[in-house]
Amino acid sequence: MSAIRVVIPTHLKTLAGVSGEVTLEVAEPVTTARVLDALEARYPVLVGTIRNPETKARRAFVRFFACEEDLSHDPTDNVLPAAVLSGAEPFFVIGAMAGG
């Protein structure tokens, strides 16, 4: 298990009743999918807010970042960067902006 730091958008923090970043214990290998599984297991109110609960597909206006890299379109079973695994860098869930 690895302690992974996760930053979620303010509206999801409010929904989950947390402030600041969240630290989750995630089983190896640490992937985006496993981080999201751990996040939803700890905060069931977030199920369906970040990804479709049936297909596990990322919601259209949600993005994932780590180490200044956009991981949103990478396979969710890719192992996260070493800096995230060590706790040096957080995994970010970001609400994308749209409109005109």
PDB file of N, CA and C in Angstrom:
ATOM      1  N   MET A   1       0.842  -1.185   0.000  1.00  0.00           N
ATOM      2  CA  MET A   1       0.000   0.000   0.000  1.00  0.00           C
ATOM      3  C   MET A   1       0.882   1.243   0.000  1.00  0.00           C
ATOM      4  N   SER A   2       0.423   2.242  -0.729  1.00  0.00           N
ATOM      5  CA  SER A   2       1.123   3.523  -0.787  1.00  0.00           C
ATOM      6  C   SER A   2       0.184   4.625  -0.319  1.00  0.00           C
ATOM      7  N   ALA A   3       0.725   5.595   0.387  1.00  0.00           N
ATOM      8  CA  ALA A   3      -0.045   6.768   0.801  1.00  0.00           C
ATOM      9  C   ALA A   3       0.023   7.790  -0.328  1.00  0.00           C
ATOM     10  N   ILE A   4      -1.110   8.031  -0.952  1.00  0.00           N
ATOM     11  CA  ILE A   4      -1.183   8.922  -2.111  1.00  0.00           C
ATOM     12  C   ILE A   4      -1.939  10.179  -1.725  1.00  0.00           C
ATOM     13  N   ARG A   5      -1.340  11.325  -2.042  1.00  0.00           N
ATOM     14  CA  ARG A   5      -1.973  12.621  -1.803  1.00  0.00           C
ATOM     15  C   ARG A   5      -2.859  12.951  -2.998  1.00  0.00           C
ATOM     16  N   VAL A   6      -4.110  13.327  -2.716  1.00  0.00           N
ATOM     17  CA  VAL A   6      -5.066  13.641  -3.778  1.00  0.00           C
ATOM     18  C   VAL A   6      -5.674  15.010  -3.512  1.00  0.00           C
ATOM     19  N   VAL A   7      -5.684  15.837  -4.546  1.00  0.00           N
ATOM     20  CA  VAL A   7      -6.316  17.151  -4.485  1.00  0.00           C
ATOM     21  C   VAL A   7      -7.566  17.079  -5.350  1.00  0.00           C
ATOM     22  N   ILE A   8      -8.703  17.433  -4.756  1.00  0.00           N
ATOM     23  CA  ILE A   8      -9.967  17.424  -5.501  1.00  0.00           C
ATOM     24  C   ILE A   8     -10.526  18.847  -5.544  1.00  0.00           C
ATOM     25  N   PRO A   9     -11.414  19.115  -6.517  1.00  0.00           N
ATOM     26  CA  PRO A   9     -11.977  20.464  -6.641  1.00  0.00           C
ATOM     27  C   PRO A   9     -12.790  20.855  -5.396  1.00  0.00           C
ATOM     28  N   THR A  10     -12.905  22.139  -5.177  1.00  0.00           N
ATOM     29  CA  THR A  10     -13.593  22.670  -4.000  1.00  0.00           C
ATOM     30  C   THR A  10     -15.012  22.127  -3.858  1.00  0.00           C
ATOM     31  N   HIS A  11     -15.766  22.066  -4.951  1.00  0.00           N
ATOM     32  CA  HIS A  11     -17.147  21.599  -4.837  1.00  0.00           C
ATOM     33  C   HIS A  11     -17.216  20.130  -4.412  1.00  0.00           C
ATOM     34  N   LEU A  12     -16.221  19.324  -4.796  1.00  0.00           N
ATOM     35  CA  LEU A  12     -16.201  17.926  -4.352  1.00  0.00           C
ATOM     36  C   LEU A  12     -15.719  17.817  -2.909  1.00  0.00           C
ATOM     37  N   LYS A  13     -14.819  18.714  -2.498  1.00  0.00           N
ATOM     38  CA  LYS A  13     -14.418  18.753  -1.086  1.00  0.00           C
ATOM     39  C   LYS A  13     -15.632  19.048  -0.212  1.00  0.00           C
ATOM     40  N   THR A  14     -16.431  20.017  -0.641  1.00  0.00           N
ATOM     41  CA  THR A  14     -17.636  20.373   0.108  1.00  0.00           C
ATOM     42  C   THR A  14     -18.583  19.182   0.187  1.00  0.00           C
ATOM     43  N   LEU A  15     -18.796  18.524  -0.934  1.00  0.00           N
ATOM     44  CA  LEU A  15     -19.673  17.359  -0.985  1.00  0.00           C
ATOM     45  C   LEU A  15     -19.182  16.245  -0.065  1.00  0.00           C
ATOM     46  N   ALA A  16     -17.874  16.011  -0.058  1.00  0.00           N
ATOM     47  CA  ALA A  16     -17.282  14.943   0.758  1.00  0.00           C
ATOM     48  C   ALA A  16     -17.063  15.365   2.213  1.00  0.00           C
ATOM     49  N   GLY A  17     -17.183  16.665   2.491  1.00  0.00           N
ATOM     50  CA  GLY A  17     -16.985  17.152   3.845  1.00  0.00           C
ATOM     51  C   GLY A  17     -15.536  17.164   4.284  1.00  0.00           C
ATOM     52  N   VAL A  18     -14.637  17.485   3.347  1.00  0.00           N
ATOM     53  CA  VAL A  18     -13.212  17.541   3.661  1.00  0.00           C
ATOM     54  C   VAL A  18     -12.665  18.927   3.320  1.00  0.00           C
ATOM     55  N   SER A  19     -11.486  19.219   3.860  1.00  0.00           N
ATOM     56  CA  SER A  19     -10.794  20.449   3.477  1.00  0.00           C
ATOM     57  C   SER A  19      -9.353  20.066   3.169  1.00  0.00           C
ATOM     58  N   GLY A  20      -8.738  20.809   2.298  1.00  0.00           N
ATOM     59  CA  GLY A  20      -7.362  20.485   1.928  1.00  0.00           C
ATOM     60  C   GLY A  20      -7.292  19.226   1.078  1.00  0.00           C
ATOM     61  N   GLU A  21      -6.068  18.712   0.975  1.00  0.00           N
ATOM     62  CA  GLU A  21      -5.902  17.490   0.183  1.00  0.00           C
ATOM     63  C   GLU A  21      -6.228  16.270   1.033  1.00  0.00           C
ATOM     64  N   VAL A  22      -6.496  15.172   0.356  1.00  0.00           N
ATOM     65  CA  VAL A  22      -6.861  13.913   0.993  1.00  0.00           C
ATOM     66  C   VAL A  22      -5.684  12.948   0.821  1.00  0.00           C
ATOM     67  N   THR A  23      -5.382  12.168   1.830  1.00  0.00           N
ATOM     68  CA  THR A  23      -4.367  11.128   1.712  1.00  0.00           C
ATOM     69  C   THR A  23      -5.065   9.779   1.755  1.00  0.00           C
ATOM     70  N   LEU A  24      -4.786   8.955   0.748  1.00  0.00           N
ATOM     71  CA  LEU A  24      -5.434   7.649   0.613  1.00  0.00           C
ATOM     72  C   LEU A  24      -4.398   6.540   0.595  1.00  0.00           C
ATOM     73  N   GLU A  25      -4.727   5.420   1.192  1.00  0.00           N
ATOM     74  CA  GLU A  25      -3.911   4.216   1.082  1.00  0.00           C
ATOM     75  C   GLU A  25      -4.377   3.479  -0.170  1.00  0.00           C
ATOM     76  N   VAL A  26      -3.468   3.285  -1.114  1.00  0.00           N
ATOM     77  CA  VAL A  26      -3.808   2.681  -2.400  1.00  0.00           C
ATOM     78  C   VAL A  26      -2.921   1.459  -2.618  1.00  0.00           C
ATOM     79  N   ALA A  27      -3.554   0.361  -3.031  1.00  0.00           N
ATOM     80  CA  ALA A  27      -2.828  -0.886  -3.283  1.00  0.00           C
ATOM     81  C   ALA A  27      -1.940  -0.747  -4.517  1.00  0.00           C
ATOM     82  N   GLU A  28      -0.820  -1.466  -4.483  1.00  0.00           N
ATOM     83  CA  GLU A  28       0.105  -1.510  -5.618  1.00  0.00           C
ATOM     84  C   GLU A  28      -0.478  -2.415  -6.709  1.00  0.00           C
ATOM     85  N   PRO A  29      -0.215  -2.163  -7.963  1.00  0.00           N
ATOM     86  CA  PRO A  29       0.412  -0.972  -8.516  1.00  0.00           C
ATOM     87  C   PRO A  29      -0.559   0.208  -8.437  1.00  0.00           C
ATOM     88  N   VAL A  30      -0.026   1.369  -8.136  1.00  0.00           N
ATOM     89  CA  VAL A  30      -0.856   2.566  -7.979  1.00  0.00           C
ATOM     90  C   VAL A  30      -1.139   3.155  -9.357  1.00  0.00           C
ATOM     91  N   THR A  31      -2.401   3.118  -9.718  1.00  0.00           N
ATOM     92  CA  THR A  31      -2.863   3.628 -11.011  1.00  0.00           C
ATOM     93  C   THR A  31      -3.958   4.660 -10.775  1.00  0.00           C
ATOM     94  N   THR A  32      -4.319   5.388 -11.819  1.00  0.00           N
ATOM     95  CA  THR A  32      -5.426   6.338 -11.717  1.00  0.00           C
ATOM     96  C   THR A  32      -6.689   5.620 -11.268  1.00  0.00           C
ATOM     97  N   ALA A  33      -6.977   4.473 -11.862  1.00  0.00           N
ATOM     98  CA  ALA A  33      -8.188   3.727 -11.513  1.00  0.00           C
ATOM     99  C   ALA A  33      -8.193   3.339 -10.031  1.00  0.00           C
ATOM    100  N   ARG A  34      -7.063   2.887  -9.516  1.00  0.00           N
ATOM    101  CA  ARG A  34      -7.000   2.484  -8.106  1.00  0.00           C
ATOM    102  C   ARG A  34      -7.120   3.677  -7.163  1.00  0.00           C
ATOM    103  N   VAL A  35      -6.560   4.806  -7.553  1.00  0.00           N
ATOM    104  CA  VAL A  35      -6.709   6.016  -6.742  1.00  0.00           C
ATOM    105  C   VAL A  35      -8.185   6.413  -6.689  1.00  0.00           C
ATOM    106  N   LEU A  36      -8.847   6.398  -7.838  1.00  0.00           N
ATOM    107  CA  LEU A  36     -10.263   6.767  -7.875  1.00  0.00           C
ATOM    108  C   LEU A  36     -11.119   5.753  -7.123  1.00  0.00           C
ATOM    109  N   ASP A  37     -10.781   4.462  -7.230  1.00  0.00           N
ATOM    110  CA  ASP A  37     -11.496   3.438  -6.457  1.00  0.00           C
ATOM    111  C   ASP A  37     -11.379   3.729  -4.963  1.00  0.00           C
ATOM    112  N   ALA A  38     -10.159   4.043  -4.507  1.00  0.00           N
ATOM    113  CA  ALA A  38      -9.926   4.323  -3.087  1.00  0.00           C
ATOM    114  C   ALA A  38     -10.657   5.597  -2.651  1.00  0.00           C
ATOM    115  N   LEU A  39     -10.657   6.608  -3.510  1.00  0.00           N
ATOM    116  CA  LEU A  39     -11.342   7.864  -3.206  1.00  0.00           C
ATOM    117  C   LEU A  39     -12.847   7.626  -3.056  1.00  0.00           C
ATOM    118  N   GLU A  40     -13.428   6.883  -3.985  1.00  0.00           N
ATOM    119  CA  GLU A  40     -14.870   6.616  -3.935  1.00  0.00           C
ATOM    120  C   GLU A  40     -15.232   5.673  -2.786  1.00  0.00           C
ATOM    121  N   ALA A  41     -14.339   4.771  -2.423  1.00  0.00           N
ATOM    122  CA  ALA A  41     -14.599   3.870  -1.297  1.00  0.00           C
ATOM    123  C   ALA A  41     -14.610   4.655   0.017  1.00  0.00           C
ATOM    124  N   ARG A  42     -13.689   5.589   0.147  1.00  0.00           N
ATOM    125  CA  ARG A  42     -13.610   6.384   1.378  1.00  0.00           C
ATOM    126  C   ARG A  42     -14.707   7.435   1.450  1.00  0.00           C
ATOM    127  N   TYR A  43     -15.078   7.986   0.290  1.00  0.00           N
ATOM    128  CA  TYR A  43     -16.105   9.023   0.217  1.00  0.00           C
ATOM    129  C   TYR A  43     -17.172   8.592  -0.798  1.00  0.00           C
ATOM    130  N   PRO A  44     -18.074   7.699  -0.400  1.00  0.00           N
ATOM    131  CA  PRO A  44     -19.082   7.164  -1.342  1.00  0.00           C
ATOM    132  C   PRO A  44     -19.959   8.236  -1.986  1.00  0.00           C
ATOM    133  N   VAL A  45     -20.074   9.389  -1.351  1.00  0.00           N
ATOM    134  CA  VAL A  45     -20.862  10.473  -1.923  1.00  0.00           C
ATOM    135  C   VAL A  45     -20.263  10.959  -3.246  1.00  0.00           C
ATOM    136  N   LEU A  46     -18.993  10.660  -3.499  1.00  0.00           N
ATOM    137  CA  LEU A  46     -18.333  11.086  -4.746  1.00  0.00           C
ATOM    138  C   LEU A  46     -18.573  10.127  -5.914  1.00  0.00           C
ATOM    139  N   VAL A  47     -19.159   8.955  -5.639  1.00  0.00           N
ATOM    140  CA  VAL A  47     -19.427   7.996  -6.715  1.00  0.00           C
ATOM    141  C   VAL A  47     -20.319   8.668  -7.759  1.00  0.00           C
ATOM    142  N   GLY A  48     -19.873   8.644  -8.999  1.00  0.00           N
ATOM    143  CA  GLY A  48     -20.623   9.238 -10.099  1.00  0.00           C
ATOM    144  C   GLY A  48     -20.259  10.681 -10.398  1.00  0.00           C
ATOM    145  N   THR A  49     -19.474  11.319  -9.545  1.00  0.00           N
ATOM    146  CA  THR A  49     -19.125  12.721  -9.776  1.00  0.00           C
ATOM    147  C   THR A  49     -17.881  12.886 -10.642  1.00  0.00           C
ATOM    148  N   ILE A  50     -16.962  11.919 -10.553  1.00  0.00           N
ATOM    149  CA  ILE A  50     -15.693  11.999 -11.277  1.00  0.00           C
ATOM    150  C   ILE A  50     -15.711  11.100 -12.512  1.00  0.00           C
ATOM    151  N   ARG A  51     -16.388   9.975 -12.381  1.00  0.00           N
ATOM    152  CA  ARG A  51     -16.489   9.024 -13.501  1.00  0.00           C
ATOM    153  C   ARG A  51     -17.845   8.339 -13.453  1.00  0.00           C
ATOM    154  N   ASN A  52     -18.224   7.801 -14.589  1.00  0.00           N
ATOM    155  CA  ASN A  52     -19.482   7.079 -14.704  1.00  0.00           C
ATOM    156  C   ASN A  52     -19.420   5.848 -13.803  1.00  0.00           C
ATOM    157  N   PRO A  53     -20.396   5.653 -12.917  1.00  0.00           N
ATOM    158  CA  PRO A  53     -20.312   4.528 -11.986  1.00  0.00           C
ATOM    159  C   PRO A  53     -20.392   3.149 -12.642  1.00  0.00           C
ATOM    160  N   GLU A  54     -21.019   3.054 -13.796  1.00  0.00           N
ATOM    161  CA  GLU A  54     -21.113   1.758 -14.477  1.00  0.00           C
ATOM    162  C   GLU A  54     -19.895   1.463 -15.340  1.00  0.00           C
ATOM    163  N   THR A  55     -19.506   2.425 -16.166  1.00  0.00           N
ATOM    164  CA  THR A  55     -18.423   2.183 -17.128  1.00  0.00           C
ATOM    165  C   THR A  55     -17.053   2.576 -16.584  1.00  0.00           C
ATOM    166  N   LYS A  56     -17.032   3.358 -15.520  1.00  0.00           N
ATOM    167  CA  LYS A  56     -15.793   3.892 -14.923  1.00  0.00           C
ATOM    168  C   LYS A  56     -15.085   4.898 -15.839  1.00  0.00           C
ATOM    169  N   ALA A  57     -15.777   5.361 -16.880  1.00  0.00           N
ATOM    170  CA  ALA A  57     -15.205   6.359 -17.789  1.00  0.00           C
ATOM    171  C   ALA A  57     -15.195   7.732 -17.112  1.00  0.00           C
ATOM    172  N   ARG A  58     -14.137   8.486 -17.335  1.00  0.00           N
ATOM    173  CA  ARG A  58     -13.992   9.833 -16.790  1.00  0.00           C
ATOM    174  C   ARG A  58     -15.111  10.722 -17.309  1.00  0.00           C
ATOM    175  N   ARG A  59     -15.679  11.540 -16.427  1.00  0.00           N
ATOM    176  CA  ARG A  59     -16.682  12.520 -16.845  1.00  0.00           C
ATOM    177  C   ARG A  59     -16.015  13.532 -17.776  1.00  0.00           C
ATOM    178  N   ALA A  60     -16.780  14.056 -18.706  1.00  0.00           N
ATOM    179  CA  ALA A  60     -16.248  14.919 -19.766  1.00  0.00           C
ATOM    180  C   ALA A  60     -15.495  16.144 -19.252  1.00  0.00           C
ATOM    181  N   PHE A  61     -15.949  16.758 -18.169  1.00  0.00           N
ATOM    182  CA  PHE A  61     -15.319  17.986 -17.699  1.00  0.00           C
ATOM    183  C   PHE A  61     -14.452  17.771 -16.465  1.00  0.00           C
ATOM    184  N   VAL A  62     -13.885  16.580 -16.367  1.00  0.00           N
ATOM    185  CA  VAL A  62     -12.959  16.260 -15.283  1.00  0.00           C
ATOM    186  C   VAL A  62     -11.620  15.891 -15.910  1.00  0.00           C
ATOM    187  N   ARG A  63     -10.539  16.379 -15.314  1.00  0.00           N
ATOM    188  CA  ARG A  63      -9.194  16.079 -15.805  1.00  0.00           C
ATOM    189  C   ARG A  63      -8.345  15.572 -14.652  1.00  0.00           C
ATOM    190  N   PHE A  64      -7.335  14.754 -14.989  1.00  0.00           N
ATOM    191  CA  PHE A  64      -6.401  14.212 -14.008  1.00  0.00           C
ATOM    192  C   PHE A  64      -5.000  14.706 -14.344  1.00  0.00           C
ATOM    193  N   PHE A  65      -4.289  15.190 -13.332  1.00  0.00           N
ATOM    194  CA  PHE A  65      -2.932  15.680 -13.510  1.00  0.00           C
ATOM    195  C   PHE A  65      -2.028  15.120 -12.423  1.00  0.00           C
ATOM    196  N   ALA A  66      -0.772  14.921 -12.773  1.00  0.00           N
ATOM    197  CA  ALA A  66       0.270  14.559 -11.809  1.00  0.00           C
ATOM    198  C   ALA A  66       1.601  15.020 -12.391  1.00  0.00           C
ATOM    199  N   CYS A  67       2.428  15.606 -11.552  1.00  0.00           N
ATOM    200  CA  CYS A  67       3.765  16.059 -11.971  1.00  0.00           C
ATOM    201  C   CYS A  67       3.692  16.953 -13.214  1.00  0.00           C
ATOM    202  N   GLU A  68       2.715  17.850 -13.227  1.00  0.00           N
ATOM    203  CA  GLU A  68       2.508  18.802 -14.317  1.00  0.00           C
ATOM    204  C   GLU A  68       2.186  18.143 -15.655  1.00  0.00           C
ATOM    205  N   GLU A  69       1.707  16.917 -15.623  1.00  0.00           N
ATOM    206  CA  GLU A  69       1.321  16.204 -16.840  1.00  0.00           C
ATOM    207  C   GLU A  69      -0.176  15.914 -16.812  1.00  0.00           C
ATOM    208  N   ASP A  70      -0.828  16.120 -17.956  1.00  0.00           N
ATOM    209  CA  ASP A  70      -2.237  15.792 -18.097  1.00  0.00           C
ATOM    210  C   ASP A  70      -2.356  14.293 -18.343  1.00  0.00           C
ATOM    211  N   LEU A  71      -2.949  13.586 -17.402  1.00  0.00           N
ATOM    212  CA  LEU A  71      -3.122  12.137 -17.514  1.00  0.00           C
ATOM    213  C   LEU A  71      -4.543  11.762 -17.933  1.00  0.00           C
ATOM    214  N   SER A  72      -5.334  12.746 -18.278  1.00  0.00           N
ATOM    215  CA  SER A  72      -6.755  12.542 -18.536  1.00  0.00           C
ATOM    216  C   SER A  72      -7.054  11.539 -19.633  1.00  0.00           C
ATOM    217  N   HIS A  73      -6.224  11.505 -20.654  1.00  0.00           N
ATOM    218  CA  HIS A  73      -6.491  10.617 -21.782  1.00  0.00           C
ATOM    219  C   HIS A  73      -5.626   9.356 -21.763  1.00  0.00           C
ATOM    220  N   ASP A  74      -4.792   9.219 -20.737  1.00  0.00           N
ATOM    221  CA  ASP A  74      -3.976   8.005 -20.591  1.00  0.00           C
ATOM    222  C   ASP A  74      -4.853   6.867 -20.077  1.00  0.00           C
ATOM    223  N   PRO A  75      -4.501   5.628 -20.381  1.00  0.00           N
ATOM    224  CA  PRO A  75      -5.245   4.506 -19.802  1.00  0.00           C
ATOM    225  C   PRO A  75      -5.202   4.584 -18.271  1.00  0.00           C
ATOM    226  N   THR A  76      -6.336   4.315 -17.633  1.00  0.00           N
ATOM    227  CA  THR A  76      -6.394   4.451 -16.175  1.00  0.00           C
ATOM    228  C   THR A  76      -5.667   3.339 -15.437  1.00  0.00           C
ATOM    229  N   ASP A  77      -5.159   2.353 -16.179  1.00  0.00           N
ATOM    230  CA  ASP A  77      -4.377   1.303 -15.531  1.00  0.00           C
ATOM    231  C   ASP A  77      -2.868   1.547 -15.648  1.00  0.00           C
ATOM    232  N   ASN A  78      -2.469   2.718 -16.173  1.00  0.00           N
ATOM    233  CA  ASN A  78      -1.049   3.096 -16.185  1.00  0.00           C
ATOM    234  C   ASN A  78      -0.613   3.415 -14.756  1.00  0.00           C
ATOM    235  N   VAL A  79       0.604   3.009 -14.409  1.00  0.00           N
ATOM    236  CA  VAL A  79       1.160   3.326 -13.092  1.00  0.00           C
ATOM    237  C   VAL A  79       1.465   4.821 -13.026  1.00  0.00           C
ATOM    238  N   LEU A  80       1.138   5.438 -11.895  1.00  0.00           N
ATOM    239  CA  LEU A  80       1.371   6.869 -11.720  1.00  0.00           C
ATOM    240  C   LEU A  80       2.869   7.154 -11.558  1.00  0.00           C
ATOM    241  N   PRO A  81       3.282   8.405 -11.809  1.00  0.00           N
ATOM    242  CA  PRO A  81       4.705   8.768 -11.705  1.00  0.00           C
ATOM    243  C   PRO A  81       5.277   8.496 -10.306  1.00  0.00           C
ATOM    244  N   ALA A  82       6.578   8.249 -10.262  1.00  0.00           N
ATOM    245  CA  ALA A  82       7.275   7.917  -9.016  1.00  0.00           C
ATOM    246  C   ALA A  82       7.095   8.995  -7.951  1.00  0.00           C
ATOM    247  N   ALA A  83       7.057  10.261  -8.345  1.00  0.00           N
ATOM    248  CA  ALA A  83       6.901  11.344  -7.373  1.00  0.00           C
ATOM    249  C   ALA A  83       5.541  11.286  -6.670  1.00  0.00           C
ATOM    250  N   VAL A  84       4.532  10.792  -7.355  1.00  0.00           N
ATOM    251  CA  VAL A  84       3.215  10.611  -6.733  1.00  0.00           C
ATOM    252  C   VAL A  84       3.272   9.421  -5.777  1.00  0.00           C
ATOM    253  N   LEU A  85       3.921   8.340  -6.208  1.00  0.00           N
ATOM    254  CA  LEU A  85       4.030   7.139  -5.380  1.00  0.00           C
ATOM    255  C   LEU A  85       4.788   7.414  -4.087  1.00  0.00           C
ATOM    256  N   SER A  86       5.782   8.287  -4.143  1.00  0.00           N
ATOM    257  CA  SER A  86       6.594   8.605  -2.958  1.00  0.00           C
ATOM    258  C   SER A  86       5.923   9.628  -2.049  1.00  0.00           C
ATOM    259  N   GLY A  87       4.868  10.271  -2.528  1.00  0.00           N
ATOM    260  CA  GLY A  87       4.197  11.311  -1.745  1.00  0.00           C
ATOM    261  C   GLY A  87       4.766  12.695  -1.957  1.00  0.00           C
ATOM    262  N   ALA A  88       5.789  12.812  -2.813  1.00  0.00           N
ATOM    263  CA  ALA A  88       6.395  14.116  -3.080  1.00  0.00           C
ATOM    264  C   ALA A  88       5.446  15.024  -3.865  1.00  0.00           C
ATOM    265  N   GLU A  89       4.626  14.446  -4.719  1.00  0.00           N
ATOM    266  CA  GLU A  89       3.680  15.192  -5.553  1.00  0.00           C
ATOM    267  C   GLU A  89       2.283  14.613  -5.381  1.00  0.00           C
ATOM    268  N   PRO A  90       1.254  15.463  -5.422  1.00  0.00           N
ATOM    269  CA  PRO A  90      -0.121  14.957  -5.340  1.00  0.00           C
ATOM    270  C   PRO A  90      -0.669  14.554  -6.710  1.00  0.00           C
ATOM    271  N   PHE A  91      -1.734  13.805  -6.677  1.00  0.00           N
ATOM    272  CA  PHE A  91      -2.535  13.477  -7.847  1.00  0.00           C
ATOM    273  C   PHE A  91      -3.698  14.475  -7.832  1.00  0.00           C
ATOM    274  N   PHE A  92      -3.913  15.171  -8.935  1.00  0.00           N
ATOM    275  CA  PHE A  92      -4.951  16.194  -8.992  1.00  0.00           C
ATOM    276  C   PHE A  92      -6.153  15.725  -9.797  1.00  0.00           C
ATOM    277  N   VAL A  93      -7.341  15.956  -9.261  1.00  0.00           N
ATOM    278  CA  VAL A  93      -8.593  15.826  -9.991  1.00  0.00           C
ATOM    279  C   VAL A  93      -9.075  17.257 -10.178  1.00  0.00           C
ATOM    280  N   ILE A  94      -9.201  17.686 -11.434  1.00  0.00           N
ATOM    281  CA  ILE A  94      -9.513  19.076 -11.744  1.00  0.00           C
ATOM    282  C   ILE A  94     -10.818  19.142 -12.517  1.00  0.00           C
ATOM    283  N   GLY A  95     -11.660  20.091 -12.169  1.00  0.00           N
ATOM    284  CA  GLY A  95     -12.856  20.359 -12.940  1.00  0.00           C
ATOM    285  C   GLY A  95     -12.498  21.299 -14.079  1.00  0.00           C
ATOM    286  N   ALA A  96     -12.637  20.826 -15.317  1.00  0.00           N
ATOM    287  CA  ALA A  96     -12.280  21.637 -16.482  1.00  0.00           C
ATOM    288  C   ALA A  96     -13.302  22.761 -16.674  1.00  0.00           C
ATOM    289  N   MET A  97     -12.853  23.829 -17.323  1.00  0.00           N
ATOM    290  CA  MET A  97     -13.732  24.960 -17.601  1.00  0.00           C
ATOM    291  C   MET A  97     -14.168  24.906 -19.052  1.00  0.00           C
ATOM    292  N   ALA A  98     -15.391  25.316 -19.291  1.00  0.00           N
ATOM    293  CA  ALA A  98     -15.913  25.352 -20.662  1.00  0.00           C
ATOM    294  C   ALA A  98     -16.820  26.561 -20.788  1.00  0.00           C
ATOM    295  N   GLY A  99     -17.099  26.883 -21.999  1.00  0.00           N
ATOM    296  CA  GLY A  99     -18.004  27.997 -22.220  1.00  0.00           C
ATOM    297  C   GLY A  99     -17.422  29.005 -23.190  1.00  0.00           C
ATOM    298  N   GLY A 100     -18.107  30.043 -23.373  1.00  0.00           N
ATOM    299  CA  GLY A 100     -17.617  31.014 -24.325  1.00  0.00           C
ATOM    300  C   GLY A 100     -17.859  32.405 -23.871  1.00  0.00           C
TER     301      GLY A 100
END
